[in-house]
């Protein structure tokens, strides 16, 4: 058990399970995109670890960039997504693959889809390490899913609770 601020968390997903899920995402995307040179867009801050590990395993030509979106306060989604840092390059005609740490309500995905649709991209795909199907409220297809999880608040491997826990190599869930 670990303590972050005023909350306790218990082990939930091991580093080995995370590595297996990242490898699965890489394999599926490499198979789907063949000789194309996609641009991977990581969603900060949470996706920095999955993007880094994903790119170490991705053996084909690619580019990477990041956007910064914010939708959480404490352990709750605000249901409002703010774009804090955006993309400054022309993506028209490109294959864009969003890499998310976690998809729960889908509000961030909905905002990203609107942003990239306006840029006339060739392909727009979404990859997420963690997916909460019980919390997902949108009709947008999640193309690549590493691990489906219940609707529990988690920290570690890039995910935080009010700034703490991102550096953990495993994932912990809020103790009940």
N, C-alpha and C. Protein backbone atom coordinates (compact mmCIF):
# COMPACT_ATOMS: atom_id res chain seq x y z
N UNK A 1 0.85 -1.19 0.00
CA UNK A 1 0.00 0.00 0.00
C UNK A 1 0.89 1.24 0.00
N UNK A 2 0.42 2.26 -0.72
CA UNK A 2 1.15 3.54 -0.73
C UNK A 2 0.19 4.66 -0.34
N UNK A 3 0.77 5.74 0.16
CA UNK A 3 0.00 6.93 0.55
C UNK A 3 0.40 8.08 -0.36
N UNK A 4 -0.58 8.73 -1.00
CA UNK A 4 -0.37 9.94 -1.78
C UNK A 4 -1.32 10.99 -1.25
N UNK A 5 -0.77 12.08 -0.77
CA UNK A 5 -1.57 13.12 -0.10
C UNK A 5 -2.42 12.46 0.98
N UNK A 6 -3.73 12.59 0.89
CA UNK A 6 -4.64 12.09 1.92
C UNK A 6 -5.25 10.73 1.60
N UNK A 7 -4.79 10.07 0.51
CA UNK A 7 -5.43 8.82 0.07
C UNK A 7 -4.44 7.67 0.05
N UNK A 8 -4.99 6.47 0.23
CA UNK A 8 -4.18 5.25 0.17
C UNK A 8 -4.53 4.47 -1.08
N UNK A 9 -3.51 3.86 -1.68
CA UNK A 9 -3.65 3.10 -2.91
C UNK A 9 -3.03 1.72 -2.73
N UNK A 10 -3.63 0.72 -3.39
CA UNK A 10 -3.13 -0.66 -3.31
C UNK A 10 -2.67 -1.11 -4.70
N UNK A 11 -1.73 -2.07 -4.76
CA UNK A 11 -1.25 -2.55 -6.06
C UNK A 11 -2.40 -3.06 -6.94
N UNK A 12 -2.31 -2.79 -8.25
CA UNK A 12 -3.39 -3.15 -9.17
C UNK A 12 -2.88 -3.79 -10.45
N UNK A 13 -1.92 -3.16 -11.14
CA UNK A 13 -1.39 -3.70 -12.40
C UNK A 13 0.13 -3.65 -12.34
N UNK A 14 0.75 -4.80 -12.56
CA UNK A 14 2.21 -4.91 -12.44
C UNK A 14 2.94 -4.31 -13.64
N UNK A 15 4.21 -4.02 -13.45
CA UNK A 15 5.05 -3.50 -14.54
C UNK A 15 5.10 -4.51 -15.69
N UNK A 16 5.09 -5.79 -15.38
CA UNK A 16 5.13 -6.84 -16.42
C UNK A 16 3.86 -6.81 -17.27
N UNK A 17 2.70 -6.65 -16.62
CA UNK A 17 1.44 -6.56 -17.36
C UNK A 17 1.40 -5.31 -18.24
N UNK A 18 1.93 -4.21 -17.73
CA UNK A 18 1.98 -2.96 -18.50
C UNK A 18 2.86 -3.15 -19.73
N UNK A 19 4.04 -3.74 -19.54
CA UNK A 19 4.96 -3.97 -20.65
C UNK A 19 4.32 -4.85 -21.73
N UNK A 20 3.61 -5.88 -21.31
CA UNK A 20 2.92 -6.77 -22.25
C UNK A 20 1.89 -5.99 -23.05
N UNK A 21 1.12 -5.12 -22.38
CA UNK A 21 0.08 -4.33 -23.06
C UNK A 21 0.68 -3.33 -24.04
N UNK A 22 1.79 -2.70 -23.67
CA UNK A 22 2.45 -1.75 -24.58
C UNK A 22 2.96 -2.50 -25.81
N UNK A 23 3.56 -3.67 -25.63
CA UNK A 23 4.04 -4.48 -26.75
C UNK A 23 2.89 -4.86 -27.68
N UNK A 24 1.75 -5.20 -27.10
CA UNK A 24 0.55 -5.54 -27.89
C UNK A 24 0.11 -4.34 -28.74
N UNK A 25 0.09 -3.16 -28.15
CA UNK A 25 -0.29 -1.95 -28.91
C UNK A 25 0.67 -1.72 -30.07
N UNK A 26 1.96 -1.84 -29.82
CA UNK A 26 2.97 -1.64 -30.86
C UNK A 26 2.76 -2.62 -32.01
N UNK A 27 2.58 -3.88 -31.69
CA UNK A 27 2.40 -4.91 -32.72
C UNK A 27 1.18 -4.63 -33.58
N UNK A 28 0.06 -4.30 -32.95
CA UNK A 28 -1.17 -4.02 -33.70
C UNK A 28 -1.00 -2.81 -34.63
N UNK A 29 -0.38 -1.76 -34.12
CA UNK A 29 -0.21 -0.54 -34.93
C UNK A 29 0.80 -0.76 -36.04
N UNK A 30 1.91 -1.44 -35.77
CA UNK A 30 2.87 -1.75 -36.84
C UNK A 30 2.21 -2.57 -37.93
N UNK A 31 1.38 -3.54 -37.57
CA UNK A 31 0.69 -4.36 -38.56
C UNK A 31 -0.28 -3.53 -39.39
N UNK A 32 -0.99 -2.61 -38.77
CA UNK A 32 -1.99 -1.81 -39.47
C UNK A 32 -1.40 -0.73 -40.37
N UNK A 33 -0.25 -0.19 -40.02
CA UNK A 33 0.27 0.96 -40.75
C UNK A 33 1.41 0.64 -41.70
N UNK A 34 1.84 -0.60 -41.77
CA UNK A 34 2.80 -1.04 -42.77
C UNK A 34 3.93 -0.06 -43.01
N UNK A 35 4.01 0.46 -44.26
CA UNK A 35 5.09 1.36 -44.64
C UNK A 35 4.75 2.84 -44.43
N UNK A 36 3.56 3.12 -43.92
CA UNK A 36 3.18 4.50 -43.63
C UNK A 36 4.09 5.04 -42.52
N UNK A 37 4.29 6.34 -42.48
CA UNK A 37 5.05 6.97 -41.40
C UNK A 37 4.09 7.79 -40.56
N UNK A 38 3.50 7.18 -39.54
CA UNK A 38 2.52 7.90 -38.73
C UNK A 38 3.19 8.93 -37.82
N UNK A 39 2.38 9.85 -37.37
CA UNK A 39 2.82 10.75 -36.30
C UNK A 39 2.02 10.38 -35.05
N UNK A 40 2.74 10.03 -34.01
CA UNK A 40 2.13 9.68 -32.74
C UNK A 40 2.00 10.95 -31.91
N UNK A 41 0.81 11.18 -31.38
CA UNK A 41 0.56 12.36 -30.56
C UNK A 41 0.27 11.88 -29.14
N UNK A 42 1.21 12.14 -28.24
CA UNK A 42 1.01 11.79 -26.84
C UNK A 42 0.24 12.88 -26.12
N UNK A 43 -0.63 12.48 -25.22
CA UNK A 43 -1.44 13.43 -24.47
C UNK A 43 -0.81 13.60 -23.08
N UNK A 44 -0.25 14.76 -22.85
CA UNK A 44 0.43 15.07 -21.60
C UNK A 44 -0.57 15.49 -20.52
N UNK A 45 -0.22 15.32 -19.28
CA UNK A 45 1.04 14.82 -18.78
C UNK A 45 1.06 13.30 -18.69
N UNK A 46 -0.09 12.70 -18.55
CA UNK A 46 -0.18 11.29 -18.21
C UNK A 46 0.47 10.31 -19.15
N UNK A 47 0.49 10.59 -20.45
CA UNK A 47 0.95 9.60 -21.42
C UNK A 47 2.46 9.58 -21.64
N UNK A 48 3.22 10.40 -20.92
CA UNK A 48 4.65 10.46 -21.21
C UNK A 48 5.36 9.12 -21.06
N UNK A 49 4.98 8.32 -20.06
CA UNK A 49 5.65 7.04 -19.86
C UNK A 49 5.26 6.02 -20.93
N UNK A 50 3.97 5.94 -21.26
CA UNK A 50 3.54 4.98 -22.28
C UNK A 50 4.11 5.37 -23.64
N UNK A 51 4.17 6.67 -23.95
CA UNK A 51 4.75 7.10 -25.24
C UNK A 51 6.23 6.71 -25.30
N UNK A 52 6.97 6.97 -24.25
CA UNK A 52 8.40 6.63 -24.24
C UNK A 52 8.61 5.13 -24.43
N UNK A 53 7.88 4.31 -23.68
CA UNK A 53 8.05 2.86 -23.81
C UNK A 53 7.54 2.35 -25.16
N UNK A 54 6.46 2.93 -25.65
CA UNK A 54 5.91 2.56 -26.95
C UNK A 54 6.95 2.83 -28.05
N UNK A 55 7.53 4.02 -28.05
CA UNK A 55 8.48 4.39 -29.11
C UNK A 55 9.75 3.55 -29.08
N UNK A 56 10.18 3.12 -27.90
CA UNK A 56 11.35 2.24 -27.80
C UNK A 56 11.10 0.91 -28.50
N UNK A 57 9.85 0.48 -28.54
CA UNK A 57 9.49 -0.81 -29.14
C UNK A 57 9.08 -0.69 -30.61
N UNK A 58 8.66 0.51 -31.03
CA UNK A 58 8.16 0.72 -32.41
C UNK A 58 9.36 0.78 -33.35
N UNK A 59 9.46 -0.16 -34.26
CA UNK A 59 10.67 -0.30 -35.09
C UNK A 59 10.56 0.32 -36.48
N UNK A 60 9.42 0.88 -36.83
CA UNK A 60 9.24 1.47 -38.16
C UNK A 60 9.38 2.99 -38.08
N UNK A 61 9.57 3.65 -39.23
CA UNK A 61 9.68 5.12 -39.20
C UNK A 61 8.41 5.76 -38.64
N UNK A 62 8.60 6.78 -37.82
CA UNK A 62 7.47 7.50 -37.22
C UNK A 62 7.96 8.85 -36.73
N UNK A 63 7.00 9.70 -36.41
CA UNK A 63 7.28 10.96 -35.76
C UNK A 63 6.49 11.00 -34.47
N UNK A 64 6.86 11.91 -33.58
CA UNK A 64 6.14 12.04 -32.32
C UNK A 64 6.00 13.52 -31.96
N UNK A 65 4.87 13.83 -31.37
CA UNK A 65 4.63 15.16 -30.84
C UNK A 65 3.70 15.00 -29.65
N UNK A 66 3.40 16.10 -28.99
CA UNK A 66 2.56 16.04 -27.80
C UNK A 66 1.55 17.17 -27.79
N UNK A 67 0.42 16.92 -27.15
CA UNK A 67 -0.54 17.95 -26.80
C UNK A 67 -0.73 17.85 -25.29
N UNK A 68 -1.14 18.93 -24.70
CA UNK A 68 -1.42 18.90 -23.26
C UNK A 68 -2.87 19.30 -23.07
N UNK A 69 -3.61 18.39 -22.46
CA UNK A 69 -5.02 18.59 -22.19
C UNK A 69 -5.22 18.41 -20.68
N UNK A 70 -6.23 19.07 -20.15
CA UNK A 70 -6.50 18.94 -18.72
C UNK A 70 -8.00 18.79 -18.51
N UNK A 71 -8.38 17.77 -17.69
CA UNK A 71 -9.80 17.56 -17.42
C UNK A 71 -10.08 17.05 -16.01
N UNK A 72 -9.04 16.89 -15.18
CA UNK A 72 -9.23 16.33 -13.84
C UNK A 72 -8.87 17.33 -12.76
N UNK A 73 -9.59 17.26 -11.66
CA UNK A 73 -9.24 17.94 -10.43
C UNK A 73 -9.36 16.89 -9.33
N UNK A 74 -8.25 16.59 -8.68
CA UNK A 74 -8.25 15.54 -7.66
C UNK A 74 -8.54 14.19 -8.30
N UNK A 75 -9.57 13.49 -7.82
CA UNK A 75 -9.91 12.17 -8.35
C UNK A 75 -11.12 12.21 -9.28
N UNK A 76 -11.62 13.40 -9.60
CA UNK A 76 -12.84 13.53 -10.40
C UNK A 76 -12.60 14.25 -11.72
N UNK A 77 -13.28 13.79 -12.77
CA UNK A 77 -13.26 14.49 -14.05
C UNK A 77 -14.12 15.75 -13.91
N UNK A 78 -13.63 16.85 -14.48
CA UNK A 78 -14.39 18.10 -14.44
C UNK A 78 -15.43 18.14 -15.54
N UNK A 79 -15.38 17.19 -16.49
CA UNK A 79 -16.23 17.15 -17.68
C UNK A 79 -15.98 18.32 -18.62
N UNK A 80 -14.92 19.07 -18.38
CA UNK A 80 -14.49 20.14 -19.27
C UNK A 80 -13.05 19.87 -19.63
N UNK A 81 -12.72 19.96 -20.93
CA UNK A 81 -11.36 19.70 -21.37
C UNK A 81 -10.75 21.00 -21.87
N UNK A 82 -9.58 21.32 -21.35
CA UNK A 82 -8.87 22.51 -21.79
C UNK A 82 -7.60 22.10 -22.52
N UNK A 83 -7.37 22.71 -23.69
CA UNK A 83 -6.14 22.46 -24.44
C UNK A 83 -5.11 23.46 -23.95
N UNK A 84 -4.04 22.96 -23.33
CA UNK A 84 -3.03 23.82 -22.75
C UNK A 84 -1.84 24.00 -23.69
N UNK A 85 -1.48 22.95 -24.42
CA UNK A 85 -0.42 23.00 -25.43
C UNK A 85 -0.94 22.27 -26.65
N UNK A 86 -0.81 22.87 -27.82
CA UNK A 86 -1.33 22.26 -29.03
C UNK A 86 -0.25 21.90 -30.02
N UNK A 87 -0.68 21.40 -31.17
CA UNK A 87 0.22 21.00 -32.26
C UNK A 87 0.46 22.20 -33.17
N UNK A 88 1.72 22.43 -33.52
CA UNK A 88 2.07 23.58 -34.35
C UNK A 88 2.52 23.20 -35.75
N UNK A 89 2.20 22.01 -36.21
CA UNK A 89 2.64 21.60 -37.54
C UNK A 89 1.46 21.20 -38.40
N UNK A 90 1.67 21.22 -39.71
CA UNK A 90 0.63 20.85 -40.67
C UNK A 90 0.51 19.33 -40.69
N UNK A 91 -0.68 18.82 -40.40
CA UNK A 91 -0.91 17.38 -40.36
C UNK A 91 -1.81 16.90 -41.50
N UNK A 92 -2.16 17.78 -42.43
CA UNK A 92 -3.05 17.37 -43.52
C UNK A 92 -2.42 16.24 -44.31
N UNK A 93 -3.25 15.22 -44.59
CA UNK A 93 -2.79 14.06 -45.34
C UNK A 93 -1.95 13.08 -44.54
N UNK A 94 -1.77 13.30 -43.24
CA UNK A 94 -0.94 12.44 -42.41
C UNK A 94 -1.78 11.43 -41.63
N UNK A 95 -1.16 10.34 -41.23
CA UNK A 95 -1.77 9.37 -40.33
C UNK A 95 -1.42 9.77 -38.91
N UNK A 96 -2.44 10.12 -38.14
CA UNK A 96 -2.27 10.58 -36.77
C UNK A 96 -2.82 9.52 -35.83
N UNK A 97 -1.98 9.13 -34.87
CA UNK A 97 -2.40 8.17 -33.86
C UNK A 97 -2.21 8.81 -32.49
N UNK A 98 -3.31 9.02 -31.81
CA UNK A 98 -3.28 9.57 -30.45
C UNK A 98 -2.87 8.45 -29.50
N UNK A 99 -1.92 8.73 -28.62
CA UNK A 99 -1.55 7.76 -27.59
C UNK A 99 -1.95 8.35 -26.24
N UNK A 100 -2.92 7.70 -25.63
CA UNK A 100 -3.43 8.11 -24.33
C UNK A 100 -2.96 7.14 -23.25
N UNK A 101 -2.81 7.65 -22.04
CA UNK A 101 -2.55 6.79 -20.90
C UNK A 101 -3.83 6.06 -20.51
N UNK A 102 -4.94 6.83 -20.47
CA UNK A 102 -6.22 6.25 -20.03
C UNK A 102 -7.37 6.96 -20.73
N UNK A 103 -8.37 6.19 -21.10
CA UNK A 103 -9.62 6.76 -21.61
C UNK A 103 -10.71 6.32 -20.65
N UNK A 104 -11.38 7.32 -20.07
CA UNK A 104 -12.52 7.00 -19.20
C UNK A 104 -13.78 7.64 -19.77
N UNK A 105 -14.11 8.88 -19.47
CA UNK A 105 -15.36 9.47 -19.96
C UNK A 105 -15.35 9.67 -21.48
N UNK A 106 -14.17 9.90 -22.05
CA UNK A 106 -14.06 10.15 -23.49
C UNK A 106 -14.08 11.62 -23.84
N UNK A 107 -14.18 12.50 -22.86
CA UNK A 107 -14.24 13.94 -23.14
C UNK A 107 -12.98 14.44 -23.85
N UNK A 108 -11.80 13.99 -23.41
CA UNK A 108 -10.56 14.41 -24.06
C UNK A 108 -10.51 13.89 -25.49
N UNK A 109 -10.89 12.64 -25.70
CA UNK A 109 -10.90 12.05 -27.04
C UNK A 109 -11.83 12.84 -27.96
N UNK A 110 -12.99 13.21 -27.48
CA UNK A 110 -13.94 13.98 -28.28
C UNK A 110 -13.34 15.32 -28.71
N UNK A 111 -12.67 15.99 -27.79
CA UNK A 111 -12.03 17.27 -28.09
C UNK A 111 -10.90 17.07 -29.10
N UNK A 112 -10.09 16.04 -28.92
CA UNK A 112 -8.98 15.77 -29.85
C UNK A 112 -9.50 15.44 -31.25
N UNK A 113 -10.56 14.66 -31.33
CA UNK A 113 -11.12 14.31 -32.63
C UNK A 113 -11.55 15.58 -33.38
N UNK A 114 -12.19 16.49 -32.68
CA UNK A 114 -12.61 17.75 -33.30
C UNK A 114 -11.41 18.57 -33.79
N UNK A 115 -10.37 18.61 -32.99
CA UNK A 115 -9.16 19.36 -33.36
C UNK A 115 -8.53 18.78 -34.62
N UNK A 116 -8.36 17.45 -34.66
CA UNK A 116 -7.66 16.83 -35.77
C UNK A 116 -8.52 16.69 -37.02
N UNK A 117 -9.83 16.59 -36.86
CA UNK A 117 -10.73 16.56 -38.02
C UNK A 117 -10.58 17.86 -38.81
N UNK A 118 -10.43 18.96 -38.10
CA UNK A 118 -10.27 20.26 -38.75
C UNK A 118 -8.94 20.37 -39.51
N UNK A 119 -8.01 19.48 -39.21
CA UNK A 119 -6.69 19.52 -39.86
C UNK A 119 -6.61 18.62 -41.09
N UNK A 120 -7.71 17.97 -41.46
CA UNK A 120 -7.76 17.16 -42.68
C UNK A 120 -6.72 16.05 -42.70
N UNK A 121 -6.64 15.28 -41.61
CA UNK A 121 -5.68 14.18 -41.55
C UNK A 121 -6.20 13.00 -42.37
N UNK A 122 -5.26 12.17 -42.84
CA UNK A 122 -5.62 10.99 -43.65
C UNK A 122 -6.27 9.91 -42.78
N UNK A 123 -5.63 9.58 -41.67
CA UNK A 123 -6.15 8.61 -40.70
C UNK A 123 -6.08 9.24 -39.33
N UNK A 124 -7.13 9.01 -38.54
CA UNK A 124 -7.14 9.44 -37.15
C UNK A 124 -7.48 8.22 -36.31
N UNK A 125 -6.52 7.76 -35.52
CA UNK A 125 -6.71 6.57 -34.70
C UNK A 125 -6.40 6.90 -33.25
N UNK A 126 -6.98 6.13 -32.36
CA UNK A 126 -6.79 6.33 -30.93
C UNK A 126 -6.27 5.05 -30.31
N UNK A 127 -5.15 5.18 -29.59
CA UNK A 127 -4.58 4.06 -28.83
C UNK A 127 -4.54 4.48 -27.37
N UNK A 128 -4.94 3.58 -26.49
CA UNK A 128 -4.87 3.88 -25.06
C UNK A 128 -4.33 2.67 -24.31
N UNK A 129 -3.51 2.95 -23.33
CA UNK A 129 -3.00 1.86 -22.51
C UNK A 129 -4.11 1.30 -21.62
N UNK A 130 -4.86 2.18 -20.97
CA UNK A 130 -5.95 1.76 -20.09
C UNK A 130 -7.27 2.30 -20.61
N UNK A 131 -8.31 1.46 -20.53
CA UNK A 131 -9.64 1.85 -20.99
C UNK A 131 -10.67 1.43 -19.95
N UNK A 132 -11.54 2.38 -19.57
CA UNK A 132 -12.62 2.11 -18.61
C UNK A 132 -13.94 2.06 -19.37
N UNK A 133 -14.35 0.89 -19.86
CA UNK A 133 -15.58 0.81 -20.65
C UNK A 133 -16.83 1.26 -19.88
N UNK A 134 -16.86 1.04 -18.56
CA UNK A 134 -18.03 1.44 -17.76
C UNK A 134 -18.19 2.96 -17.71
N UNK A 135 -17.10 3.69 -17.81
CA UNK A 135 -17.14 5.15 -17.70
C UNK A 135 -17.28 5.84 -19.06
N UNK A 136 -16.98 5.11 -20.14
CA UNK A 136 -16.92 5.72 -21.48
C UNK A 136 -18.31 6.10 -21.96
N UNK A 137 -18.47 7.37 -22.37
CA UNK A 137 -19.78 7.91 -22.71
C UNK A 137 -19.89 8.38 -24.16
N UNK A 138 -18.92 8.10 -24.99
CA UNK A 138 -18.89 8.64 -26.35
C UNK A 138 -19.08 7.53 -27.38
N UNK A 139 -19.38 7.93 -28.62
CA UNK A 139 -19.54 6.98 -29.72
C UNK A 139 -18.28 6.88 -30.57
N UNK A 140 -17.20 7.46 -30.14
CA UNK A 140 -15.95 7.45 -30.89
C UNK A 140 -15.23 6.13 -30.62
N UNK A 141 -14.84 5.47 -31.71
CA UNK A 141 -14.17 4.16 -31.58
C UNK A 141 -12.76 4.33 -31.01
N UNK A 142 -12.43 3.51 -30.03
CA UNK A 142 -11.07 3.43 -29.51
C UNK A 142 -10.42 2.28 -30.29
N UNK A 143 -9.46 2.61 -31.14
CA UNK A 143 -8.92 1.64 -32.10
C UNK A 143 -7.98 0.61 -31.48
N UNK A 144 -7.21 1.03 -30.49
CA UNK A 144 -6.22 0.13 -29.89
C UNK A 144 -6.31 0.27 -28.36
N UNK A 145 -6.55 -0.86 -27.69
CA UNK A 145 -6.71 -0.86 -26.24
C UNK A 145 -5.71 -1.84 -25.63
N UNK A 146 -4.92 -1.34 -24.68
CA UNK A 146 -3.96 -2.20 -24.00
C UNK A 146 -4.62 -3.06 -22.95
N UNK A 147 -5.27 -2.42 -21.95
CA UNK A 147 -5.88 -3.14 -20.84
C UNK A 147 -7.23 -2.49 -20.51
N UNK A 148 -8.27 -3.29 -20.47
CA UNK A 148 -9.57 -2.81 -19.99
C UNK A 148 -9.60 -2.95 -18.47
N UNK A 149 -10.05 -1.88 -17.81
CA UNK A 149 -10.07 -1.88 -16.35
C UNK A 149 -11.44 -1.42 -15.85
N UNK A 150 -11.79 -1.78 -14.60
CA UNK A 150 -13.05 -1.28 -14.04
C UNK A 150 -12.94 0.23 -13.77
N UNK A 151 -14.07 0.84 -13.48
CA UNK A 151 -14.12 2.28 -13.27
C UNK A 151 -13.60 2.63 -11.87
N UNK A 152 -12.29 2.45 -11.69
CA UNK A 152 -11.61 2.75 -10.43
C UNK A 152 -10.57 3.84 -10.69
N UNK A 153 -10.30 4.67 -9.68
CA UNK A 153 -9.27 5.70 -9.81
C UNK A 153 -7.91 5.05 -9.63
N UNK A 154 -7.01 5.28 -10.61
CA UNK A 154 -5.68 4.65 -10.57
C UNK A 154 -4.58 5.70 -10.67
N UNK A 155 -3.41 5.32 -10.15
CA UNK A 155 -2.21 6.16 -10.23
C UNK A 155 -1.03 5.29 -10.60
N UNK A 156 0.03 5.94 -11.07
CA UNK A 156 1.26 5.25 -11.44
C UNK A 156 1.41 5.18 -12.94
N UNK A 157 2.63 4.93 -13.38
CA UNK A 157 2.95 4.82 -14.80
C UNK A 157 2.40 6.03 -15.59
N UNK A 158 2.65 7.22 -15.04
CA UNK A 158 2.24 8.46 -15.69
C UNK A 158 0.98 9.07 -15.13
N UNK A 159 0.14 8.28 -14.51
CA UNK A 159 -1.12 8.77 -13.94
C UNK A 159 -0.88 9.28 -12.51
N UNK A 160 -1.58 10.37 -12.16
CA UNK A 160 -1.30 10.98 -10.86
C UNK A 160 -2.56 11.23 -10.04
N UNK A 161 -2.32 11.52 -8.79
CA UNK A 161 -3.35 12.07 -7.91
C UNK A 161 -2.80 13.40 -7.42
N UNK A 162 -3.34 14.48 -7.91
CA UNK A 162 -2.89 15.84 -7.58
C UNK A 162 -1.37 15.98 -7.63
N UNK A 163 -0.80 15.48 -8.75
CA UNK A 163 0.63 15.66 -9.00
C UNK A 163 1.53 14.54 -8.51
N UNK A 164 1.05 13.68 -7.64
CA UNK A 164 1.90 12.60 -7.11
C UNK A 164 1.56 11.27 -7.76
N UNK A 165 2.59 10.40 -7.88
CA UNK A 165 2.39 9.04 -8.33
C UNK A 165 2.78 8.77 -9.77
N UNK A 166 3.02 9.79 -10.57
CA UNK A 166 3.35 9.58 -11.99
C UNK A 166 4.60 8.73 -12.18
N UNK A 167 5.53 8.82 -11.25
CA UNK A 167 6.82 8.15 -11.39
C UNK A 167 6.81 6.67 -11.02
N UNK A 168 5.69 6.16 -10.56
CA UNK A 168 5.63 4.75 -10.16
C UNK A 168 5.63 3.84 -11.38
N UNK A 169 6.37 2.75 -11.32
CA UNK A 169 6.48 1.82 -12.44
C UNK A 169 5.32 0.85 -12.55
N UNK A 170 4.51 0.77 -11.51
CA UNK A 170 3.32 -0.07 -11.50
C UNK A 170 2.11 0.83 -11.34
N UNK A 171 0.93 0.23 -11.45
CA UNK A 171 -0.31 0.99 -11.28
C UNK A 171 -0.98 0.54 -9.98
N UNK A 172 -1.49 1.53 -9.25
CA UNK A 172 -2.18 1.31 -7.99
C UNK A 172 -3.60 1.86 -8.12
N UNK A 173 -4.54 1.21 -7.41
CA UNK A 173 -5.91 1.73 -7.39
C UNK A 173 -6.21 2.27 -6.00
N UNK A 174 -7.16 3.18 -5.97
CA UNK A 174 -7.59 3.77 -4.71
C UNK A 174 -8.11 2.66 -3.78
N UNK A 175 -7.60 2.65 -2.56
CA UNK A 175 -8.04 1.63 -1.58
C UNK A 175 -9.48 1.90 -1.20
N UNK A 176 -10.24 0.83 -1.06
CA UNK A 176 -11.67 0.96 -0.72
C UNK A 176 -11.92 0.82 0.75
